[in-house]
Full PDB file with SEQRES, HELIX, SHEET, SSBOND, CRYST1, ORIGX, SCALE, CONECT and MASTER records, all heavy atoms in Angstrom:
SEQRES   1 A   45  GLY GLY LEU ALA GLN ALA GLY GLY SER LEU ARG LEU SER          
SEQRES   2 A   45  CYS ALA ALA SER ALA ARG ILE PHE SER VAL TYR ALA MET          
SEQRES   3 A   45  ALA TRP PHE ARG GLN ALA PRO GLY LYS GLU ARG GLU PHE          
SEQRES   4 A   45  VAL THR ALA ILE SER ARG                                      
HELIX    1 AA1 PHE A   21  VAL A   23  5                                   3    
SHEET    1 AA1 2 MET A  26  ARG A  30  0                                        
SHEET    2 AA1 2 GLU A  38  ILE A  43 -1                                        
CRYST1    1.000    1.000    1.000  90.00  90.00  90.00 P 1           1          
ORIGX1      1.000000  0.000000  0.000000        0.00000                         
ORIGX2      0.000000  1.000000  0.000000        0.00000                         
ORIGX3      0.000000  0.000000  1.000000        0.00000                         
SCALE1      1.000000  0.000000  0.000000        0.00000                         
SCALE2      0.000000  1.000000  0.000000        0.00000                         
SCALE3      0.000000  0.000000  1.000000        0.00000                         
ATOM      1  N   GLY A   1     126.954 112.415 148.253  1.00  0.00           N  
ATOM      2  CA  GLY A   1     126.233 113.036 147.156  1.00  0.00           C  
ATOM      3  C   GLY A   1     124.944 112.292 146.856  1.00  0.00           C  
ATOM      4  O   GLY A   1     124.676 111.226 147.386  1.00  0.00           O  
ATOM      5  N   GLY A   2     124.147 112.885 145.995  1.00  0.00           N  
ATOM      6  CA  GLY A   2     122.893 112.241 145.627  1.00  0.00           C  
ATOM      7  C   GLY A   2     121.931 113.233 145.025  1.00  0.00           C  
ATOM      8  O   GLY A   2     122.326 114.296 144.544  1.00  0.00           O  
ATOM      9  N   LEU A   3     120.672 112.865 145.090  1.00  0.00           N  
ATOM     10  CA  LEU A   3     119.611 113.677 144.512  1.00  0.00           C  
ATOM     11  C   LEU A   3     118.817 114.362 145.611  1.00  0.00           C  
ATOM     12  O   LEU A   3     118.488 113.729 146.624  1.00  0.00           O  
ATOM     13  CB  LEU A   3     118.684 112.783 143.692  1.00  0.00           C  
ATOM     14  CG  LEU A   3     117.473 113.438 143.032  1.00  0.00           C  
ATOM     15  CD1 LEU A   3     117.921 114.448 141.985  1.00  0.00           C  
ATOM     16  CD2 LEU A   3     116.577 112.367 142.406  1.00  0.00           C  
ATOM     17  N   ALA A   4     118.551 115.651 145.425  1.00  0.00           N  
ATOM     18  CA  ALA A   4     117.744 116.399 146.381  1.00  0.00           C  
ATOM     19  C   ALA A   4     116.806 117.318 145.615  1.00  0.00           C  
ATOM     20  O   ALA A   4     117.068 117.672 144.464  1.00  0.00           O  
ATOM     21  CB  ALA A   4     118.634 117.218 147.317  1.00  0.00           C  
ATOM     22  N   GLN A   5     115.736 117.679 146.260  1.00  0.00           N  
ATOM     23  CA  GLN A   5     114.809 118.648 145.664  1.00  0.00           C  
ATOM     24  C   GLN A   5     115.252 120.056 146.028  1.00  0.00           C  
ATOM     25  O   GLN A   5     115.933 120.274 147.039  1.00  0.00           O  
ATOM     26  CB  GLN A   5     113.393 118.400 146.173  1.00  0.00           C  
ATOM     27  CG  GLN A   5     112.769 117.121 145.644  1.00  0.00           C  
ATOM     28  CD  GLN A   5     111.303 117.009 145.992  1.00  0.00           C  
ATOM     29  OE1 GLN A   5     110.862 117.558 147.005  1.00  0.00           O  
ATOM     30  NE2 GLN A   5     110.545 116.307 145.173  1.00  0.00           N  
ATOM     31  N   ALA A   6     114.872 120.996 145.213  1.00  0.00           N  
ATOM     32  CA  ALA A   6     115.155 122.399 145.519  1.00  0.00           C  
ATOM     33  C   ALA A   6     114.584 122.743 146.888  1.00  0.00           C  
ATOM     34  O   ALA A   6     113.457 122.360 147.213  1.00  0.00           O  
ATOM     35  CB  ALA A   6     114.559 123.297 144.449  1.00  0.00           C  
ATOM     36  N   GLY A   7     115.412 123.430 147.683  1.00  0.00           N  
ATOM     37  CA  GLY A   7     115.027 123.754 149.045  1.00  0.00           C  
ATOM     38  C   GLY A   7     115.449 122.714 150.063  1.00  0.00           C  
ATOM     39  O   GLY A   7     115.344 122.954 151.270  1.00  0.00           O  
ATOM     40  N   GLY A   8     115.909 121.583 149.581  1.00  0.00           N  
ATOM     41  CA  GLY A   8     116.308 120.498 150.470  1.00  0.00           C  
ATOM     42  C   GLY A   8     117.747 120.616 150.928  1.00  0.00           C  
ATOM     43  O   GLY A   8     118.410 121.642 150.698  1.00  0.00           O  
ATOM     44  N   SER A   9     118.229 119.553 151.556  1.00  0.00           N  
ATOM     45  CA  SER A   9     119.575 119.547 152.132  1.00  0.00           C  
ATOM     46  C   SER A   9     120.313 118.262 151.787  1.00  0.00           C  
ATOM     47  O   SER A   9     119.705 117.211 151.568  1.00  0.00           O  
ATOM     48  CB  SER A   9     119.503 119.673 153.659  1.00  0.00           C  
ATOM     49  OG  SER A   9     118.894 120.874 154.044  1.00  0.00           O  
ATOM     50  N   LEU A  10     121.612 118.381 151.745  1.00  0.00           N  
ATOM     51  CA  LEU A  10     122.509 117.234 151.619  1.00  0.00           C  
ATOM     52  C   LEU A  10     123.746 117.532 152.449  1.00  0.00           C  
ATOM     53  O   LEU A  10     124.116 118.694 152.642  1.00  0.00           O  
ATOM     54  CB  LEU A  10     122.922 116.990 150.167  1.00  0.00           C  
ATOM     55  CG  LEU A  10     121.936 116.305 149.228  1.00  0.00           C  
ATOM     56  CD1 LEU A  10     122.504 116.304 147.806  1.00  0.00           C  
ATOM     57  CD2 LEU A  10     121.635 114.886 149.676  1.00  0.00           C  
ATOM     58  N   ARG A  11     124.394 116.459 152.890  1.00  0.00           N  
ATOM     59  CA  ARG A  11     125.644 116.618 153.632  1.00  0.00           C  
ATOM     60  C   ARG A  11     126.713 115.773 152.963  1.00  0.00           C  
ATOM     61  O   ARG A  11     126.558 114.547 152.827  1.00  0.00           O  
ATOM     62  CB  ARG A  11     125.473 116.197 155.090  1.00  0.00           C  
ATOM     63  CG  ARG A  11     126.699 116.443 155.955  1.00  0.00           C  
ATOM     64  CD  ARG A  11     126.419 116.089 157.405  1.00  0.00           C  
ATOM     65  NE  ARG A  11     127.569 116.314 158.280  1.00  0.00           N  
ATOM     66  CZ  ARG A  11     127.832 117.479 158.865  1.00  0.00           C  
ATOM     67  NH1 ARG A  11     127.024 118.501 158.674  1.00  0.00           N  
ATOM     68  NH2 ARG A  11     128.883 117.607 159.646  1.00  0.00           N  
ATOM     69  N   LEU A  12     127.788 116.409 152.560  1.00  0.00           N  
ATOM     70  CA  LEU A  12     128.921 115.726 151.954  1.00  0.00           C  
ATOM     71  C   LEU A  12     130.016 115.531 152.997  1.00  0.00           C  
ATOM     72  O   LEU A  12     130.201 116.366 153.883  1.00  0.00           O  
ATOM     73  CB  LEU A  12     129.476 116.531 150.781  1.00  0.00           C  
ATOM     74  CG  LEU A  12     128.499 116.938 149.683  1.00  0.00           C  
ATOM     75  CD1 LEU A  12     129.256 117.664 148.564  1.00  0.00           C  
ATOM     76  CD2 LEU A  12     127.751 115.746 149.139  1.00  0.00           C  
ATOM     77  N   SER A  13     130.730 114.438 152.841  1.00  0.00           N  
ATOM     78  CA  SER A  13     131.869 114.177 153.715  1.00  0.00           C  
ATOM     79  C   SER A  13     133.091 113.850 152.867  1.00  0.00           C  
ATOM     80  O   SER A  13     132.968 113.329 151.762  1.00  0.00           O  
ATOM     81  CB  SER A  13     131.579 113.018 154.668  1.00  0.00           C  
ATOM     82  OG  SER A  13     130.584 113.366 155.594  1.00  0.00           O  
ATOM     83  N   CYS A  14     134.250 114.147 153.421  1.00  0.00           N  
ATOM     84  CA  CYS A  14     135.512 113.836 152.761  1.00  0.00           C  
ATOM     85  C   CYS A  14     136.435 113.214 153.803  1.00  0.00           C  
ATOM     86  O   CYS A  14     136.723 113.851 154.824  1.00  0.00           O  
ATOM     87  CB  CYS A  14     136.118 115.103 152.177  1.00  0.00           C  
ATOM     88  SG  CYS A  14     137.776 114.896 151.492  1.00  0.00           S  
ATOM     89  N   ALA A  15     136.852 112.000 153.541  1.00  0.00           N  
ATOM     90  CA  ALA A  15     137.760 111.307 154.439  1.00  0.00           C  
ATOM     91  C   ALA A  15     139.174 111.392 153.877  1.00  0.00           C  
ATOM     92  O   ALA A  15     139.400 111.110 152.694  1.00  0.00           O  
ATOM     93  CB  ALA A  15     137.342 109.854 154.586  1.00  0.00           C  
ATOM     94  N   ALA A  16     140.123 111.761 154.725  1.00  0.00           N  
ATOM     95  CA  ALA A  16     141.502 111.949 154.292  1.00  0.00           C  
ATOM     96  C   ALA A  16     142.400 110.898 154.902  1.00  0.00           C  
ATOM     97  O   ALA A  16     142.239 110.518 156.066  1.00  0.00           O  
ATOM     98  CB  ALA A  16     141.975 113.342 154.690  1.00  0.00           C  
ATOM     99  N   SER A  17     143.384 110.488 154.113  1.00  0.00           N  
ATOM    100  CA  SER A  17     144.313 109.458 154.584  1.00  0.00           C  
ATOM    101  C   SER A  17     145.569 110.056 155.191  1.00  0.00           C  
ATOM    102  O   SER A  17     146.469 109.329 155.595  1.00  0.00           O  
ATOM    103  CB  SER A  17     144.731 108.566 153.409  1.00  0.00           C  
ATOM    104  OG  SER A  17     145.488 109.329 152.506  1.00  0.00           O  
ATOM    105  N   ALA A  18     145.654 111.361 155.257  1.00  0.00           N  
ATOM    106  CA  ALA A  18     146.866 112.041 155.718  1.00  0.00           C  
ATOM    107  C   ALA A  18     147.272 111.571 157.111  1.00  0.00           C  
ATOM    108  O   ALA A  18     146.428 111.420 157.990  1.00  0.00           O  
ATOM    109  CB  ALA A  18     146.648 113.550 155.719  1.00  0.00           C  
ATOM    110  N   ARG A  19     148.587 111.402 157.293  1.00  0.00           N  
ATOM    111  CA  ARG A  19     149.086 110.987 158.612  1.00  0.00           C  
ATOM    112  C   ARG A  19     148.811 112.055 159.663  1.00  0.00           C  
ATOM    113  O   ARG A  19     148.484 111.751 160.813  1.00  0.00           O  
ATOM    114  CB  ARG A  19     150.581 110.704 158.507  1.00  0.00           C  
ATOM    115  CG  ARG A  19     151.174 110.059 159.738  1.00  0.00           C  
ATOM    116  CD  ARG A  19     152.574 109.536 159.432  1.00  0.00           C  
ATOM    117  NE  ARG A  19     153.483 110.615 159.072  1.00  0.00           N  
ATOM    118  CZ  ARG A  19     154.226 111.264 159.947  1.00  0.00           C  
ATOM    119  NH1 ARG A  19     154.124 110.991 161.224  1.00  0.00           N  
ATOM    120  NH2 ARG A  19     155.043 112.207 159.549  1.00  0.00           N  
ATOM    121  N   ILE A  20     148.971 113.322 159.244  1.00  0.00           N  
ATOM    122  CA  ILE A  20     148.669 114.431 160.142  1.00  0.00           C  
ATOM    123  C   ILE A  20     147.681 115.340 159.421  1.00  0.00           C  
ATOM    124  O   ILE A  20     148.066 116.287 158.731  1.00  0.00           O  
ATOM    125  CB  ILE A  20     149.933 115.205 160.540  1.00  0.00           C  
ATOM    126  CG1 ILE A  20     150.984 114.250 161.101  1.00  0.00           C  
ATOM    127  CG2 ILE A  20     149.585 116.271 161.575  1.00  0.00           C  
ATOM    128  CD1 ILE A  20     152.298 114.912 161.429  1.00  0.00           C  
ATOM    129  N   PHE A  21     146.426 115.045 159.552  1.00  0.00           N  
ATOM    130  CA  PHE A  21     145.388 115.761 158.814  1.00  0.00           C  
ATOM    131  C   PHE A  21     145.343 117.240 159.173  1.00  0.00           C  
ATOM    132  O   PHE A  21     145.073 118.083 158.322  1.00  0.00           O  
ATOM    133  CB  PHE A  21     144.047 115.089 159.126  1.00  0.00           C  
ATOM    134  CG  PHE A  21     142.849 115.739 158.502  1.00  0.00           C  
ATOM    135  CD1 PHE A  21     142.689 115.740 157.129  1.00  0.00           C  
ATOM    136  CD2 PHE A  21     141.876 116.343 159.280  1.00  0.00           C  
ATOM    137  CE1 PHE A  21     141.576 116.317 156.533  1.00  0.00           C  
ATOM    138  CE2 PHE A  21     140.770 116.932 158.717  1.00  0.00           C  
ATOM    139  CZ  PHE A  21     140.608 116.915 157.335  1.00  0.00           C  
ATOM    140  N   SER A  22     145.640 117.568 160.391  1.00  0.00           N  
ATOM    141  CA  SER A  22     145.452 118.931 160.885  1.00  0.00           C  
ATOM    142  C   SER A  22     146.416 119.941 160.282  1.00  0.00           C  
ATOM    143  O   SER A  22     146.270 121.143 160.506  1.00  0.00           O  
ATOM    144  CB  SER A  22     145.570 118.957 162.408  1.00  0.00           C  
ATOM    145  OG  SER A  22     146.846 118.506 162.809  1.00  0.00           O  
ATOM    146  N   VAL A  23     147.405 119.495 159.505  1.00  0.00           N  
ATOM    147  CA  VAL A  23     148.323 120.459 158.883  1.00  0.00           C  
ATOM    148  C   VAL A  23     147.800 120.957 157.543  1.00  0.00           C  
ATOM    149  O   VAL A  23     148.394 121.843 156.930  1.00  0.00           O  
ATOM    150  CB  VAL A  23     149.738 119.863 158.693  1.00  0.00           C  
ATOM    151  CG1 VAL A  23     150.304 119.417 160.026  1.00  0.00           C  
ATOM    152  CG2 VAL A  23     149.733 118.734 157.684  1.00  0.00           C  
ATOM    153  N   TYR A  24     146.695 120.371 157.078  1.00  0.00           N  
ATOM    154  CA  TYR A  24     146.184 120.718 155.753  1.00  0.00           C  
ATOM    155  C   TYR A  24     144.977 121.634 155.831  1.00  0.00           C  
ATOM    156  O   TYR A  24     144.022 121.377 156.580  1.00  0.00           O  
ATOM    157  CB  TYR A  24     145.789 119.460 154.980  1.00  0.00           C  
ATOM    158  CG  TYR A  24     146.959 118.594 154.631  1.00  0.00           C  
ATOM    159  CD1 TYR A  24     147.370 117.566 155.467  1.00  0.00           C  
ATOM    160  CD2 TYR A  24     147.673 118.818 153.455  1.00  0.00           C  
ATOM    161  CE1 TYR A  24     148.463 116.787 155.160  1.00  0.00           C  
ATOM    162  CE2 TYR A  24     148.764 118.029 153.130  1.00  0.00           C  
ATOM    163  CZ  TYR A  24     149.161 117.024 153.985  1.00  0.00           C  
ATOM    164  OH  TYR A  24     150.241 116.250 153.671  1.00  0.00           O  
ATOM    165  N   ALA A  25     145.003 122.696 155.036  1.00  0.00           N  
ATOM    166  CA  ALA A  25     143.780 123.444 154.763  1.00  0.00           C  
ATOM    167  C   ALA A  25     142.930 122.604 153.822  1.00  0.00           C  
ATOM    168  O   ALA A  25     143.466 121.908 152.958  1.00  0.00           O  
ATOM    169  CB  ALA A  25     144.113 124.780 154.114  1.00  0.00           C  
ATOM    170  N   MET A  26     141.630 122.666 154.010  1.00  0.00           N  
ATOM    171  CA  MET A  26     140.716 121.847 153.220  1.00  0.00           C  
ATOM    172  C   MET A  26     139.720 122.736 152.489  1.00  0.00           C  
ATOM    173  O   MET A  26     139.342 123.806 152.989  1.00  0.00           O  
ATOM    174  CB  MET A  26     139.950 120.871 154.117  1.00  0.00           C  
ATOM    175  CG  MET A  26     140.839 119.922 154.911  1.00  0.00           C  
ATOM    176  SD  MET A  26     141.811 118.825 153.851  1.00  0.00           S  
ATOM    177  CE  MET A  26     140.498 117.896 153.037  1.00  0.00           C  
ATOM    178  N   ALA A  27     139.284 122.262 151.336  1.00  0.00           N  
ATOM    179  CA  ALA A  27     138.343 123.061 150.548  1.00  0.00           C  
ATOM    180  C   ALA A  27     137.402 122.151 149.766  1.00  0.00           C  
ATOM    181  O   ALA A  27     137.666 120.957 149.600  1.00  0.00           O  
ATOM    182  CB  ALA A  27     139.108 123.960 149.576  1.00  0.00           C  
ATOM    183  N   TRP A  28     136.319 122.738 149.329  1.00  0.00           N  
ATOM    184  CA  TRP A  28     135.397 122.088 148.397  1.00  0.00           C  
ATOM    185  C   TRP A  28     135.304 122.956 147.134  1.00  0.00           C  
ATOM    186  O   TRP A  28     135.169 124.184 147.226  1.00  0.00           O  
ATOM    187  CB  TRP A  28     134.002 121.939 149.000  1.00  0.00           C  
ATOM    188  CG  TRP A  28     133.899 120.932 150.094  1.00  0.00           C  
ATOM    189  CD1 TRP A  28     134.033 121.146 151.440  1.00  0.00           C  
ATOM    190  CD2 TRP A  28     133.640 119.527 149.937  1.00  0.00           C  
ATOM    191  NE1 TRP A  28     133.874 119.970 152.123  1.00  0.00           N  
ATOM    192  CE2 TRP A  28     133.632 118.957 151.236  1.00  0.00           C  
ATOM    193  CE3 TRP A  28     133.411 118.686 148.844  1.00  0.00           C  
ATOM    194  CZ2 TRP A  28     133.386 117.592 151.449  1.00  0.00           C  
ATOM    195  CZ3 TRP A  28     133.170 117.349 149.069  1.00  0.00           C  
ATOM    196  CH2 TRP A  28     133.168 116.811 150.352  1.00  0.00           C  
ATOM    197  N   PHE A  29     135.377 122.283 146.015  1.00  0.00           N  
ATOM    198  CA  PHE A  29     135.140 122.904 144.714  1.00  0.00           C  
ATOM    199  C   PHE A  29     134.005 122.128 144.054  1.00  0.00           C  
ATOM    200  O   PHE A  29     133.655 121.029 144.485  1.00  0.00           O  
ATOM    201  CB  PHE A  29     136.395 122.818 143.838  1.00  0.00           C  
ATOM    202  CG  PHE A  29     137.505 123.748 144.245  1.00  0.00           C  
ATOM    203  CD1 PHE A  29     138.282 123.480 145.367  1.00  0.00           C  
ATOM    204  CD2 PHE A  29     137.781 124.890 143.507  1.00  0.00           C  
ATOM    205  CE1 PHE A  29     139.316 124.336 145.742  1.00  0.00           C  
ATOM    206  CE2 PHE A  29     138.805 125.744 143.866  1.00  0.00           C  
ATOM    207  CZ  PHE A  29     139.574 125.467 144.988  1.00  0.00           C  
ATOM    208  N   ARG A  30     133.456 122.699 142.989  1.00  0.00           N  
ATOM    209  CA  ARG A  30     132.425 121.982 142.250  1.00  0.00           C  
ATOM    210  C   ARG A  30     132.551 122.289 140.764  1.00  0.00           C  
ATOM    211  O   ARG A  30     133.071 123.336 140.377  1.00  0.00           O  
ATOM    212  CB  ARG A  30     131.036 122.345 142.755  1.00  0.00           C  
ATOM    213  CG  ARG A  30     130.610 123.796 142.483  1.00  0.00           C  
ATOM    214  CD  ARG A  30     129.274 124.078 143.143  1.00  0.00           C  
ATOM    215  NE  ARG A  30     128.822 125.447 142.891  1.00  0.00           N  
ATOM    216  CZ  ARG A  30     127.737 125.987 143.447  1.00  0.00           C  
ATOM    217  NH1 ARG A  30     126.989 125.276 144.290  1.00  0.00           N  
ATOM    218  NH2 ARG A  30     127.403 127.228 143.160  1.00  0.00           N  
ATOM    219  N   GLN A  31     132.053 121.349 139.971  1.00  0.00           N  
ATOM    220  CA  GLN A  31     132.092 121.516 138.524  1.00  0.00           C  
ATOM    221  C   GLN A  31     130.771 121.072 137.931  1.00  0.00           C  
ATOM    222  O   GLN A  31     130.413 119.888 138.017  1.00  0.00           O  
ATOM    223  CB  GLN A  31     133.243 120.728 137.912  1.00  0.00           C  
ATOM    224  CG  GLN A  31     133.441 120.999 136.441  1.00  0.00           C  
ATOM    225  CD  GLN A  31     134.764 120.466 135.940  1.00  0.00           C  
ATOM    226  OE1 GLN A  31     135.412 119.629 136.569  1.00  0.00           O  
ATOM    227  NE2 GLN A  31     135.197 120.956 134.790  1.00  0.00           N  
ATOM    228  N   ALA A  32     130.057 122.025 137.346  1.00  0.00           N  
ATOM    229  CA  ALA A  32     128.794 121.737 136.678  1.00  0.00           C  
ATOM    230  C   ALA A  32     129.068 121.335 135.234  1.00  0.00           C  
ATOM    231  O   ALA A  32     130.119 121.686 134.676  1.00  0.00           O  
ATOM    232  CB  ALA A  32     127.893 122.959 136.732  1.00  0.00           C  
ATOM    233  N   PRO A  33     128.153 120.616 134.604  1.00  0.00           N  
ATOM    234  CA  PRO A  33     128.367 120.194 133.213  1.00  0.00           C  
ATOM    235  C   PRO A  33     128.641 121.381 132.303  1.00  0.00           C  
ATOM    236  O   PRO A  33     127.919 122.377 132.318  1.00  0.00           O  
ATOM    237  CB  PRO A  33     127.034 119.526 132.850  1.00  0.00           C  
ATOM    238  CG  PRO A  33     126.474 119.074 134.151  1.00  0.00           C  
ATOM    239  CD  PRO A  33     126.894 120.104 135.154  1.00  0.00           C  
ATOM    240  N   GLY A  34     129.715 121.273 131.547  1.00  0.00           N  
ATOM    241  CA  GLY A  34     130.058 122.315 130.593  1.00  0.00           C  
ATOM    242  C   GLY A  34     130.681 123.558 131.194  1.00  0.00           C  
ATOM    243  O   GLY A  34     130.910 124.543 130.494  1.00  0.00           O  
ATOM    244  N   LYS A  35     130.959 123.515 132.486  1.00  0.00           N  
ATOM    245  CA  LYS A  35     131.539 124.690 133.145  1.00  0.00           C  
ATOM    246  C   LYS A  35     132.868 124.342 133.796  1.00  0.00           C  
ATOM    247  O   LYS A  35     133.190 123.174 133.997  1.00  0.00           O  
ATOM    248  CB  LYS A  35     130.567 125.231 134.193  1.00  0.00           C  
ATOM    249  CG  LYS A  35     129.266 125.763 133.623  1.00  0.00           C  
ATOM    250  CD  LYS A  35     128.450 126.459 134.685  1.00  0.00           C  
ATOM    251  CE  LYS A  35     127.188 127.065 134.101  1.00  0.00           C  
ATOM    252  NZ  LYS A  35     126.391 127.771 135.144  1.00  0.00           N  
ATOM    253  N   GLU A  36     133.615 125.364 134.126  1.00  0.00           N  
ATOM    254  CA  GLU A  36     134.891 125.162 134.795  1.00  0.00           C  
ATOM    255  C   GLU A  36     134.666 124.843 136.282  1.00  0.00           C  
ATOM    256  O   GLU A  36     133.652 125.231 136.863  1.00  0.00           O  
ATOM    257  CB  GLU A  36     135.764 126.409 134.654  1.00  0.00           C  
ATOM    258  CG  GLU A  36     136.199 126.694 133.235  1.00  0.00           C  
ATOM    259  CD  GLU A  36     137.163 127.866 133.145  1.00  0.00           C  
ATOM    260  OE1 GLU A  36     137.336 128.557 134.160  1.00  0.00           O  
ATOM    261  OE2 GLU A  36     137.741 128.070 132.072  1.00  0.00           O  
ATOM    262  N   ARG A  37     135.636 124.167 136.845  1.00  0.00           N  
ATOM    263  CA  ARG A  37     135.572 123.884 138.273  1.00  0.00           C  
ATOM    264  C   ARG A  37     135.695 125.200 139.042  1.00  0.00           C  
ATOM    265  O   ARG A  37     136.538 126.043 138.723  1.00  0.00           O  
ATOM    266  CB  ARG A  37     136.699 122.921 138.661  1.00  0.00           C  
ATOM    267  CG  ARG A  37     136.520 122.279 140.015  1.00  0.00           C  
ATOM    268  CD  ARG A  37     137.549 121.197 140.253  1.00  0.00           C  
ATOM    269  NE  ARG A  37     137.439 120.101 139.260  1.00  0.00           N  
ATOM    270  CZ  ARG A  37     138.116 118.972 139.356  1.00  0.00           C  
ATOM    271  NH1 ARG A  37     138.934 118.762 140.386  1.00  0.00           N  
ATOM    272  NH2 ARG A  37     137.989 118.042 138.429  1.00  0.00           N  
ATOM    273  N   GLU A  38     134.858 125.344 140.072  1.00  0.00           N  
ATOM    274  CA  GLU A  38     134.842 126.608 140.813  1.00  0.00           C  
ATOM    275  C   GLU A  38     134.935 126.373 142.316  1.00  0.00           C  
ATOM    276  O   GLU A  38     134.503 125.340 142.829  1.00  0.00           O  
ATOM    277  CB  GLU A  38     133.571 127.401 140.499  1.00  0.00           C  
ATOM    278  CG  GLU A  38     132.287 126.732 140.955  1.00  0.00           C  
ATOM    279  CD  GLU A  38     131.053 127.600 140.723  1.00  0.00           C  
ATOM    280  OE1 GLU A  38     131.171 128.667 140.077  1.00  0.00           O  
ATOM    281  OE2 GLU A  38     129.968 127.219 141.195  1.00  0.00           O  
ATOM    282  N   PHE A  39     135.465 127.353 142.986  1.00  0.00           N  
ATOM    283  CA  PHE A  39     135.600 127.314 144.431  1.00  0.00           C  
ATOM    284  C   PHE A  39     134.238 127.403 145.105  1.00  0.00           C  
ATOM    285  O   PHE A  39     133.378 128.177 144.681  1.00  0.00           O  
ATOM    286  CB  PHE A  39     136.467 128.492 144.872  1.00  0.00           C  
ATOM    287  CG  PHE A  39     136.562 128.675 146.358  1.00  0.00           C  
ATOM    288  CD1 PHE A  39     137.422 127.897 147.117  1.00  0.00           C  
ATOM    289  CD2 PHE A  39     135.778 129.621 146.998  1.00  0.00           C  
ATOM    290  CE1 PHE A  39     137.504 128.070 148.488  1.00  0.00           C  
ATOM    291  CE2 PHE A  39     135.852 129.800 148.366  1.00  0.00           C  
ATOM    292  CZ  PHE A  39     136.724 129.035 149.115  1.00  0.00           C  
ATOM    293  N   VAL A  40     134.069 126.626 146.183  1.00  0.00           N  
ATOM    294  CA  VAL A  40     132.847 126.678 146.977  1.00  0.00           C  
ATOM    295  C   VAL A  40     133.139 127.197 148.389  1.00  0.00           C  
ATOM    296  O   VAL A  40     132.545 128.168 148.833  1.00  0.00           O  
ATOM    297  CB  VAL A  40     132.181 125.288 147.074  1.00  0.00           C  
ATOM    298  CG1 VAL A  40     130.945 125.344 147.978  1.00  0.00           C  
ATOM    299  CG2 VAL A  40     131.810 124.776 145.685  1.00  0.00           C  
ATOM    300  N   THR A  41     134.067 126.542 149.062  1.00  0.00           N  
ATOM    301  CA  THR A  41     134.354 126.916 150.448  1.00  0.00           C  
ATOM    302  C   THR A  41     135.681 126.322 150.888  1.00  0.00           C  
ATOM    303  O   THR A  41     136.163 125.357 150.295  1.00  0.00           O  
ATOM    304  CB  THR A  41     133.230 126.437 151.386  1.00  0.00           C  
ATOM    305  OG1 THR A  41     133.518 126.819 152.747  1.00  0.00           O  
ATOM    306  CG2 THR A  41     133.070 124.919 151.338  1.00  0.00           C  
ATOM    307  N   ALA A  42     136.287 126.909 151.911  1.00  0.00           N  
ATOM    308  CA  ALA A  42     137.533 126.393 152.463  1.00  0.00           C  
ATOM    309  C   ALA A  42     137.551 126.594 153.976  1.00  0.00           C  
ATOM    310  O   ALA A  42     136.837 127.446 154.507  1.00  0.00           O  
ATOM    311  CB  ALA A  42     138.733 127.084 151.828  1.00  0.00           C  
ATOM    312  N   ILE A  43     138.386 125.794 154.625  1.00  0.00           N  
ATOM    313  CA  ILE A  43     138.509 125.869 156.077  1.00  0.00           C  
ATOM    314  C   ILE A  43     139.975 125.728 156.456  1.00  0.00           C  
ATOM    315  O   ILE A  43     140.703 124.949 155.860  1.00  0.00           O  
ATOM    316  CB  ILE A  43     137.629 124.790 156.759  1.00  0.00           C  
ATOM    317  CG1 ILE A  43     137.573 124.988 158.271  1.00  0.00           C  
ATOM    318  CG2 ILE A  43     138.080 123.382 156.384  1.00  0.00           C  
ATOM    319  CD1 ILE A  43     136.485 124.154 158.942  1.00  0.00           C  
ATOM    320  N   SER A  44     140.386 126.503 157.437  1.00  0.00           N  
ATOM    321  CA  SER A  44     141.779 126.493 157.855  1.00  0.00           C  
ATOM    322  C   SER A  44     142.104 125.218 158.626  1.00  0.00           C  
ATOM    323  O   SER A  44     141.237 124.416 158.957  1.00  0.00           O  
ATOM    324  CB  SER A  44     142.069 127.720 158.713  1.00  0.00           C  
ATOM    325  OG  SER A  44     141.215 127.723 159.850  1.00  0.00           O  
ATOM    326  N   ARG A  45     143.378 125.063 158.944  1.00  0.00           N  
ATOM    327  CA  ARG A  45     143.867 123.838 159.561  1.00  0.00           C  
ATOM    328  C   ARG A  45     143.141 123.501 160.863  1.00  0.00           C  
ATOM    329  O   ARG A  45     142.802 122.348 161.111  1.00  0.00           O  
ATOM    330  CB  ARG A  45     145.359 123.969 159.843  1.00  0.00           C  
ATOM    331  CG  ARG A  45     146.189 124.155 158.595  1.00  0.00           C  
ATOM    332  CD  ARG A  45     147.613 124.515 158.959  1.00  0.00           C  
ATOM    333  NE  ARG A  45     148.448 124.676 157.770  1.00  0.00           N  
ATOM    334  CZ  ARG A  45     149.704 125.076 157.814  1.00  0.00           C  
ATOM    335  NH1 ARG A  45     150.274 125.343 158.976  1.00  0.00           N  
ATOM    336  NH2 ARG A  45     150.391 125.187 156.709  1.00  0.00           N  
TER     337      ARG A  45                                                      
MASTER        0    0    0    1    2    0    0    6  336    1    0    4          
END                                                                             
């Protein structure tokens, strides 16, 4: 995470400690100030 200008790019990473990572579906959610957490994207196993 960090600061970017409008029109720019960022790349987020998530490292998992799971013994068998490939059995888990993974997703990203986000929460803006004063708002509920919302779905962004998901990927299958």
